[in-house]
Structure formats: C-alpha cells, structure tokens
Amino acid sequence: QKSRLIVKAAGCGKPLGNDEMFKIGERNYTVLKKLLWKNNVLLEAEQVGGTASRTVHFDLSTGRTTISSGGAKTDL
C-alpha cells in the first residue's frame, strides 16, 4: 500500500566537482522528485548533493538505512 511507503534518497552528487558538465546527479534528483510528486509520494529523508561518494547500507530486517561517507556513518 502506498500509504505504508517510507521513501529515502541518497546520492545525486557531483563526483567530478562543481565543474561537472552534465550535472547528472542534479538532473537525476530533479526527475526523482517530479516522479514522486506525480505519484503523491513524499521523501521521508534524503542525503543528496556534494562531491563525496556514499555507500548505502539497507538492513531488510529492521528497515534501517545507513550512509557511509568519508569514514563516517550516519542514519538516514
């Protein structure tokens, strides 16, 4: 059921820095937001943008989402 969805987003950064020609991460994030909005779904949490790479860990048994970036771990 759509009402039970918990949607989180991570990534959409600029791994090549601010000079990235195509701004792929920014464009992907814009498309994601439009797609969710058209389907009446809101993001509960997000960690997007920046130039640092991220690794996303998702624990299926608990639903916990953890982001590792630059040696630090944070819950999303």
PDB file of N, CA and C in Angstrom:
ATOM      1  N   GLN A   1       0.831  -1.171   0.000  1.00  0.00           N
ATOM      2  CA  GLN A   1       0.000   0.000   0.000  1.00  0.00           C
ATOM      3  C   GLN A   1       0.884   1.245   0.000  1.00  0.00           C
ATOM      4  N   LYS A   2       0.533   2.192  -0.820  1.00  0.00           N
ATOM      5  CA  LYS A   2       1.304   3.426  -0.943  1.00  0.00           C
ATOM      6  C   LYS A   2       1.403   4.161   0.393  1.00  0.00           C
ATOM      7  N   SER A   3       0.374   4.087   1.211  1.00  0.00           N
ATOM      8  CA  SER A   3       0.374   4.811   2.483  1.00  0.00           C
ATOM      9  C   SER A   3       1.417   4.263   3.455  1.00  0.00           C
ATOM     10  N   ARG A   4       1.906   3.055   3.219  1.00  0.00           N
ATOM     11  CA  ARG A   4       2.902   2.450   4.105  1.00  0.00           C
ATOM     12  C   ARG A   4       4.334   2.671   3.620  1.00  0.00           C
ATOM     13  N   LEU A   5       4.503   3.323   2.484  1.00  0.00           N
ATOM     14  CA  LEU A   5       5.839   3.537   1.938  1.00  0.00           C
ATOM     15  C   LEU A   5       6.650   4.508   2.793  1.00  0.00           C
ATOM     16  N   ILE A   6       7.913   4.181   2.949  1.00  0.00           N
ATOM     17  CA  ILE A   6       8.883   5.097   3.548  1.00  0.00           C
ATOM     18  C   ILE A   6       9.969   5.256   2.500  1.00  0.00           C
ATOM     19  N   VAL A   7      10.050   6.440   1.909  1.00  0.00           N
ATOM     20  CA  VAL A   7      10.958   6.677   0.793  1.00  0.00           C
ATOM     21  C   VAL A   7      12.103   7.576   1.251  1.00  0.00           C
ATOM     22  N   LYS A   8      13.328   7.110   0.968  1.00  0.00           N
ATOM     23  CA  LYS A   8      14.526   7.865   1.306  1.00  0.00           C
ATOM     24  C   LYS A   8      15.405   7.925   0.066  1.00  0.00           C
ATOM     25  N   ALA A   9      16.176   9.007  -0.078  1.00  0.00           N
ATOM     26  CA  ALA A   9      17.050   9.170  -1.240  1.00  0.00           C
ATOM     27  C   ALA A   9      18.468   9.481  -0.781  1.00  0.00           C
ATOM     28  N   ALA A  10      19.434   8.906  -1.497  1.00  0.00           N
ATOM     29  CA  ALA A  10      20.840   9.187  -1.215  1.00  0.00           C
ATOM     30  C   ALA A  10      21.590   9.228  -2.536  1.00  0.00           C
ATOM     31  N   GLY A  11      22.582  10.093  -2.590  1.00  0.00           N
ATOM     32  CA  GLY A  11      23.410  10.183  -3.790  1.00  0.00           C
ATOM     33  C   GLY A  11      23.205  11.492  -4.512  1.00  0.00           C
ATOM     34  N   CYS A  12      23.092  11.405  -5.828  1.00  0.00           N
ATOM     35  CA  CYS A  12      22.854  12.575  -6.679  1.00  0.00           C
ATOM     36  C   CYS A  12      23.913  13.653  -6.485  1.00  0.00           C
ATOM     37  N   GLY A  13      25.127  13.226  -6.254  1.00  0.00           N
ATOM     38  CA  GLY A  13      26.206  14.170  -6.015  1.00  0.00           C
ATOM     39  C   GLY A  13      26.906  14.604  -7.291  1.00  0.00           C
ATOM     40  N   LYS A  14      27.983  15.327  -7.091  1.00  0.00           N
ATOM     41  CA  LYS A  14      28.827  15.807  -8.180  1.00  0.00           C
ATOM     42  C   LYS A  14      30.219  15.225  -7.981  1.00  0.00           C
ATOM     43  N   PRO A  15      30.417  13.959  -8.329  1.00  0.00           N
ATOM     44  CA  PRO A  15      31.709  13.316  -8.060  1.00  0.00           C
ATOM     45  C   PRO A  15      32.877  13.976  -8.785  1.00  0.00           C
ATOM     46  N   LEU A  16      32.615  14.705  -9.828  1.00  0.00           N
ATOM     47  CA  LEU A  16      33.674  15.379 -10.576  1.00  0.00           C
ATOM     48  C   LEU A  16      33.839  16.830 -10.146  1.00  0.00           C
ATOM     49  N   GLY A  17      33.105  17.246  -9.108  1.00  0.00           N
ATOM     50  CA  GLY A  17      33.198  18.613  -8.620  1.00  0.00           C
ATOM     51  C   GLY A  17      32.162  19.526  -9.260  1.00  0.00           C
ATOM     52  N   ASN A  18      32.226  20.785  -8.908  1.00  0.00           N
ATOM     53  CA  ASN A  18      31.237  21.758  -9.391  1.00  0.00           C
ATOM     54  C   ASN A  18      31.333  22.030 -10.879  1.00  0.00           C
ATOM     55  N   ASP A  19      32.425  21.643 -11.503  1.00  0.00           N
ATOM     56  CA  ASP A  19      32.600  21.877 -12.935  1.00  0.00           C
ATOM     57  C   ASP A  19      32.006  20.763 -13.795  1.00  0.00           C
ATOM     58  N   GLU A  20      31.295  19.825 -13.168  1.00  0.00           N
ATOM     59  CA  GLU A  20      30.724  18.710 -13.917  1.00  0.00           C
ATOM     60  C   GLU A  20      29.828  19.243 -15.039  1.00  0.00           C
ATOM     61  N   MET A  21      30.140  18.867 -16.260  1.00  0.00           N
ATOM     62  CA  MET A  21      29.461  19.424 -17.425  1.00  0.00           C
ATOM     63  C   MET A  21      27.972  19.074 -17.486  1.00  0.00           C
ATOM     64  N   PHE A  22      27.645  17.829 -17.242  1.00  0.00           N
ATOM     65  CA  PHE A  22      26.269  17.383 -17.475  1.00  0.00           C
ATOM     66  C   PHE A  22      25.386  17.447 -16.225  1.00  0.00           C
ATOM     67  N   LYS A  23      25.954  17.618 -15.060  1.00  0.00           N
ATOM     68  CA  LYS A  23      25.201  17.704 -13.798  1.00  0.00           C
ATOM     69  C   LYS A  23      24.199  16.556 -13.676  1.00  0.00           C
ATOM     70  N   ILE A  24      24.706  15.349 -13.894  1.00  0.00           N
ATOM     71  CA  ILE A  24      23.848  14.165 -13.925  1.00  0.00           C
ATOM     72  C   ILE A  24      23.152  13.942 -12.588  1.00  0.00           C
ATOM     73  N   GLY A  25      23.885  14.063 -11.470  1.00  0.00           N
ATOM     74  CA  GLY A  25      23.277  13.863 -10.156  1.00  0.00           C
ATOM     75  C   GLY A  25      22.138  14.827  -9.900  1.00  0.00           C
ATOM     76  N   GLU A  26      22.353  16.083 -10.232  1.00  0.00           N
ATOM     77  CA  GLU A  26      21.316  17.107 -10.046  1.00  0.00           C
ATOM     78  C   GLU A  26      20.096  16.810 -10.911  1.00  0.00           C
ATOM     79  N   ARG A  27      20.319  16.398 -12.138  1.00  0.00           N
ATOM     80  CA  ARG A  27      19.201  16.070 -13.037  1.00  0.00           C
ATOM     81  C   ARG A  27      18.453  14.837 -12.539  1.00  0.00           C
ATOM     82  N   ASN A  28      19.175  13.821 -12.065  1.00  0.00           N
ATOM     83  CA  ASN A  28      18.523  12.620 -11.541  1.00  0.00           C
ATOM     84  C   ASN A  28      17.649  12.953 -10.333  1.00  0.00           C
ATOM     85  N   TYR A  29      18.138  13.828  -9.462  1.00  0.00           N
ATOM     86  CA  TYR A  29      17.381  14.214  -8.278  1.00  0.00           C
ATOM     87  C   TYR A  29      16.107  14.966  -8.672  1.00  0.00           C
ATOM     88  N   THR A  30      16.204  15.841  -9.649  1.00  0.00           N
ATOM     89  CA  THR A  30      15.032  16.579 -10.129  1.00  0.00           C
ATOM     90  C   THR A  30      13.986  15.626 -10.682  1.00  0.00           C
ATOM     91  N   VAL A  31      14.423  14.652 -11.476  1.00  0.00           N
ATOM     92  CA  VAL A  31      13.492  13.667 -12.047  1.00  0.00           C
ATOM     93  C   VAL A  31      12.857  12.827 -10.939  1.00  0.00           C
ATOM     94  N   LEU A  32      13.653  12.425  -9.953  1.00  0.00           N
ATOM     95  CA  LEU A  32      13.124  11.652  -8.836  1.00  0.00           C
ATOM     96  C   LEU A  32      12.027  12.424  -8.111  1.00  0.00           C
ATOM     97  N   LYS A  33      12.293  13.682  -7.782  1.00  0.00           N
ATOM     98  CA  LYS A  33      11.302  14.492  -7.067  1.00  0.00           C
ATOM     99  C   LYS A  33      10.017  14.656  -7.882  1.00  0.00           C
ATOM    100  N   LYS A  34      10.152  14.884  -9.187  1.00  0.00           N
ATOM    101  CA  LYS A  34       8.968  15.026 -10.041  1.00  0.00           C
ATOM    102  C   LYS A  34       8.165  13.735 -10.091  1.00  0.00           C
ATOM    103  N   LEU A  35       8.863  12.610 -10.235  1.00  0.00           N
ATOM    104  CA  LEU A  35       8.196  11.314 -10.304  1.00  0.00           C
ATOM    105  C   LEU A  35       7.449  11.019  -9.007  1.00  0.00           C
ATOM    106  N   LEU A  36       8.101  11.260  -7.879  1.00  0.00           N
ATOM    107  CA  LEU A  36       7.433  11.025  -6.594  1.00  0.00           C
ATOM    108  C   LEU A  36       6.246  11.967  -6.409  1.00  0.00           C
ATOM    109  N   TRP A  37       6.418  13.234  -6.766  1.00  0.00           N
ATOM    110  CA  TRP A  37       5.349  14.220  -6.619  1.00  0.00           C
ATOM    111  C   TRP A  37       4.131  13.834  -7.457  1.00  0.00           C
ATOM    112  N   LYS A  38       4.364  13.401  -8.703  1.00  0.00           N
ATOM    113  CA  LYS A  38       3.254  12.999  -9.576  1.00  0.00           C
ATOM    114  C   LYS A  38       2.493  11.803  -9.023  1.00  0.00           C
ATOM    115  N   ASN A  39       3.178  10.981  -8.213  1.00  0.00           N
ATOM    116  CA  ASN A  39       2.541   9.802  -7.625  1.00  0.00           C
ATOM    117  C   ASN A  39       2.127  10.020  -6.171  1.00  0.00           C
ATOM    118  N   ASN A  40       2.149  11.302  -5.757  1.00  0.00           N
ATOM    119  CA  ASN A  40       1.719  11.676  -4.414  1.00  0.00           C
ATOM    120  C   ASN A  40       2.495  10.930  -3.324  1.00  0.00           C
ATOM    121  N   VAL A  41       3.810  10.862  -3.503  1.00  0.00           N
ATOM    122  CA  VAL A  41       4.699  10.215  -2.539  1.00  0.00           C
ATOM    123  C   VAL A  41       5.747  11.246  -2.119  1.00  0.00           C
ATOM    124  N   LEU A  42       5.979  11.344  -0.822  1.00  0.00           N
ATOM    125  CA  LEU A  42       6.951  12.295  -0.306  1.00  0.00           C
ATOM    126  C   LEU A  42       8.183  11.576   0.230  1.00  0.00           C
ATOM    127  N   LEU A  43       9.330  12.233   0.135  1.00  0.00           N
ATOM    128  CA  LEU A  43      10.556  11.698   0.721  1.00  0.00           C
ATOM    129  C   LEU A  43      10.512  11.890   2.230  1.00  0.00           C
ATOM    130  N   GLU A  44      10.857  10.853   2.971  1.00  0.00           N
ATOM    131  CA  GLU A  44      10.942  10.977   4.426  1.00  0.00           C
ATOM    132  C   GLU A  44      12.308  11.524   4.837  1.00  0.00           C
ATOM    133  N   ALA A  45      13.349  11.135   4.092  1.00  0.00           N
ATOM    134  CA  ALA A  45      14.706  11.587   4.408  1.00  0.00           C
ATOM    135  C   ALA A  45      15.529  11.585   3.133  1.00  0.00           C
ATOM    136  N   GLU A  46      16.581  12.397   3.139  1.00  0.00           N
ATOM    137  CA  GLU A  46      17.459  12.444   1.975  1.00  0.00           C
ATOM    138  C   GLU A  46      18.842  12.899   2.386  1.00  0.00           C
ATOM    139  N   GLN A  47      19.831  12.428   1.663  1.00  0.00           N
ATOM    140  CA  GLN A  47      21.202  12.906   1.783  1.00  0.00           C
ATOM    141  C   GLN A  47      21.729  12.954   0.359  1.00  0.00           C
ATOM    142  N   VAL A  48      21.631  14.103  -0.252  1.00  0.00           N
ATOM    143  CA  VAL A  48      21.964  14.250  -1.669  1.00  0.00           C
ATOM    144  C   VAL A  48      22.915  15.417  -1.877  1.00  0.00           C
ATOM    145  N   GLY A  49      23.537  15.425  -3.046  1.00  0.00           N
ATOM    146  CA  GLY A  49      24.425  16.509  -3.416  1.00  0.00           C
ATOM    147  C   GLY A  49      25.832  16.317  -2.890  1.00  0.00           C
ATOM    148  N   GLY A  50      26.625  17.358  -3.034  1.00  0.00           N
ATOM    149  CA  GLY A  50      28.003  17.314  -2.575  1.00  0.00           C
ATOM    150  C   GLY A  50      28.910  16.576  -3.543  1.00  0.00           C
ATOM    151  N   THR A  51      30.180  16.453  -3.161  1.00  0.00           N
ATOM    152  CA  THR A  51      31.148  15.787  -4.040  1.00  0.00           C
ATOM    153  C   THR A  51      31.672  14.482  -3.451  1.00  0.00           C
ATOM    154  N   ALA A  52      31.323  14.182  -2.202  1.00  0.00           N
ATOM    155  CA  ALA A  52      31.805  12.957  -1.554  1.00  0.00           C
ATOM    156  C   ALA A  52      30.998  11.743  -2.031  1.00  0.00           C
ATOM    157  N   SER A  53      31.692  10.622  -2.196  1.00  0.00           N
ATOM    158  CA  SER A  53      30.984   9.385  -2.562  1.00  0.00           C
ATOM    159  C   SER A  53      30.290   8.828  -1.321  1.00  0.00           C
ATOM    160  N   ARG A  54      29.262   8.032  -1.550  1.00  0.00           N
ATOM    161  CA  ARG A  54      28.487   7.443  -0.463  1.00  0.00           C
ATOM    162  C   ARG A  54      28.292   5.961  -0.712  1.00  0.00           C
ATOM    163  N   THR A  55      28.190   5.229   0.375  1.00  0.00           N
ATOM    164  CA  THR A  55      27.786   3.829   0.310  1.00  0.00           C
ATOM    165  C   THR A  55      26.535   3.705   1.159  1.00  0.00           C
ATOM    166  N   VAL A  56      25.504   3.098   0.599  1.00  0.00           N
ATOM    167  CA  VAL A  56      24.228   2.947   1.299  1.00  0.00           C
ATOM    168  C   VAL A  56      24.100   1.512   1.781  1.00  0.00           C
ATOM    169  N   HIS A  57      23.800   1.363   3.068  1.00  0.00           N
ATOM    170  CA  HIS A  57      23.548   0.050   3.659  1.00  0.00           C
ATOM    171  C   HIS A  57      22.088   0.025   4.099  1.00  0.00           C
ATOM    172  N   PHE A  58      21.364  -0.988   3.640  1.00  0.00           N
ATOM    173  CA  PHE A  58      19.951  -1.114   3.994  1.00  0.00           C
ATOM    174  C   PHE A  58      19.741  -2.456   4.671  1.00  0.00           C
ATOM    175  N   ASP A  59      19.277  -2.437   5.912  1.00  0.00           N
ATOM    176  CA  ASP A  59      19.017  -3.657   6.671  1.00  0.00           C
ATOM    177  C   ASP A  59      17.550  -4.033   6.488  1.00  0.00           C
ATOM    178  N   LEU A  60      17.317  -5.087   5.751  1.00  0.00           N
ATOM    179  CA  LEU A  60      15.940  -5.504   5.451  1.00  0.00           C
ATOM    180  C   LEU A  60      15.154  -5.911   6.696  1.00  0.00           C
ATOM    181  N   SER A  61      15.835  -6.463   7.681  1.00  0.00           N
ATOM    182  CA  SER A  61      15.116  -6.937   8.863  1.00  0.00           C
ATOM    183  C   SER A  61      14.622  -5.791   9.751  1.00  0.00           C
ATOM    184  N   THR A  62      15.308  -4.655   9.725  1.00  0.00           N
ATOM    185  CA  THR A  62      14.912  -3.535  10.590  1.00  0.00           C
ATOM    186  C   THR A  62      14.420  -2.315   9.810  1.00  0.00           C
ATOM    187  N   GLY A  63      14.758  -2.228   8.531  1.00  0.00           N
ATOM    188  CA  GLY A  63      14.406  -1.061   7.732  1.00  0.00           C
ATOM    189  C   GLY A  63      15.384   0.096   7.920  1.00  0.00           C
ATOM    190  N   ARG A  64      16.444  -0.140   8.658  1.00  0.00           N
ATOM    191  CA  ARG A  64      17.438   0.903   8.940  1.00  0.00           C
ATOM    192  C   ARG A  64      18.295   1.176   7.707  1.00  0.00           C
ATOM    193  N   THR A  65      18.467   2.449   7.393  1.00  0.00           N
ATOM    194  CA  THR A  65      19.289   2.871   6.265  1.00  0.00           C
ATOM    195  C   THR A  65      20.470   3.650   6.814  1.00  0.00           C
ATOM    196  N   THR A  66      21.683   3.208   6.489  1.00  0.00           N
ATOM    197  CA  THR A  66      22.896   3.857   6.963  1.00  0.00           C
ATOM    198  C   THR A  66      23.723   4.309   5.770  1.00  0.00           C
ATOM    199  N   ILE A  67      24.245   5.523   5.846  1.00  0.00           N
ATOM    200  CA  ILE A  67      25.083   6.081   4.799  1.00  0.00           C
ATOM    201  C   ILE A  67      26.511   6.164   5.323  1.00  0.00           C
ATOM    202  N   SER A  68      27.458   5.607   4.565  1.00  0.00           N
ATOM    203  CA  SER A  68      28.876   5.727   4.892  1.00  0.00           C
ATOM    204  C   SER A  68      29.505   6.684   3.887  1.00  0.00           C
ATOM    205  N   SER A  69      30.197   7.689   4.402  1.00  0.00           N
ATOM    206  CA  SER A  69      30.841   8.662   3.532  1.00  0.00           C
ATOM    207  C   SER A  69      31.997   9.306   4.269  1.00  0.00           C
ATOM    208  N   GLY A  70      33.161   9.286   3.667  1.00  0.00           N
ATOM    209  CA  GLY A  70      34.330   9.918   4.280  1.00  0.00           C
ATOM    210  C   GLY A  70      34.706   9.329   5.620  1.00  0.00           C
ATOM    211  N   GLY A  71      34.475   8.034   5.815  1.00  0.00           N
ATOM    212  CA  GLY A  71      34.823   7.384   7.063  1.00  0.00           C
ATOM    213  C   GLY A  71      33.783   7.534   8.166  1.00  0.00           C
ATOM    214  N   ALA A  72      32.735   8.297   7.911  1.00  0.00           N
ATOM    215  CA  ALA A  72      31.673   8.483   8.913  1.00  0.00           C
ATOM    216  C   ALA A  72      30.412   7.748   8.489  1.00  0.00           C
ATOM    217  N   LYS A  73      29.672   7.265   9.473  1.00  0.00           N
ATOM    218  CA  LYS A  73      28.395   6.595   9.210  1.00  0.00           C
ATOM    219  C   LYS A  73      27.272   7.398   9.856  1.00  0.00           C
ATOM    220  N   THR A  74      26.188   7.590   9.105  1.00  0.00           N
ATOM    221  CA  THR A  74      25.024   8.290   9.631  1.00  0.00           C
ATOM    222  C   THR A  74      23.766   7.542   9.224  1.00  0.00           C
ATOM    223  N   ASP A  75      22.765   7.597  10.090  1.00  0.00           N
ATOM    224  CA  ASP A  75      21.466   7.007   9.755  1.00  0.00           C
ATOM    225  C   ASP A  75      20.683   7.980   8.895  1.00  0.00           C
ATOM    226  N   LEU A  76      19.977   7.431   7.953  1.00  0.00           N
ATOM    227  CA  LEU A  76      19.160   8.263   7.074  1.00  0.00           C
ATOM    228  C   LEU A  76      17.715   8.100   7.453  1.00  0.00           C
TER     229      LEU A  76
END
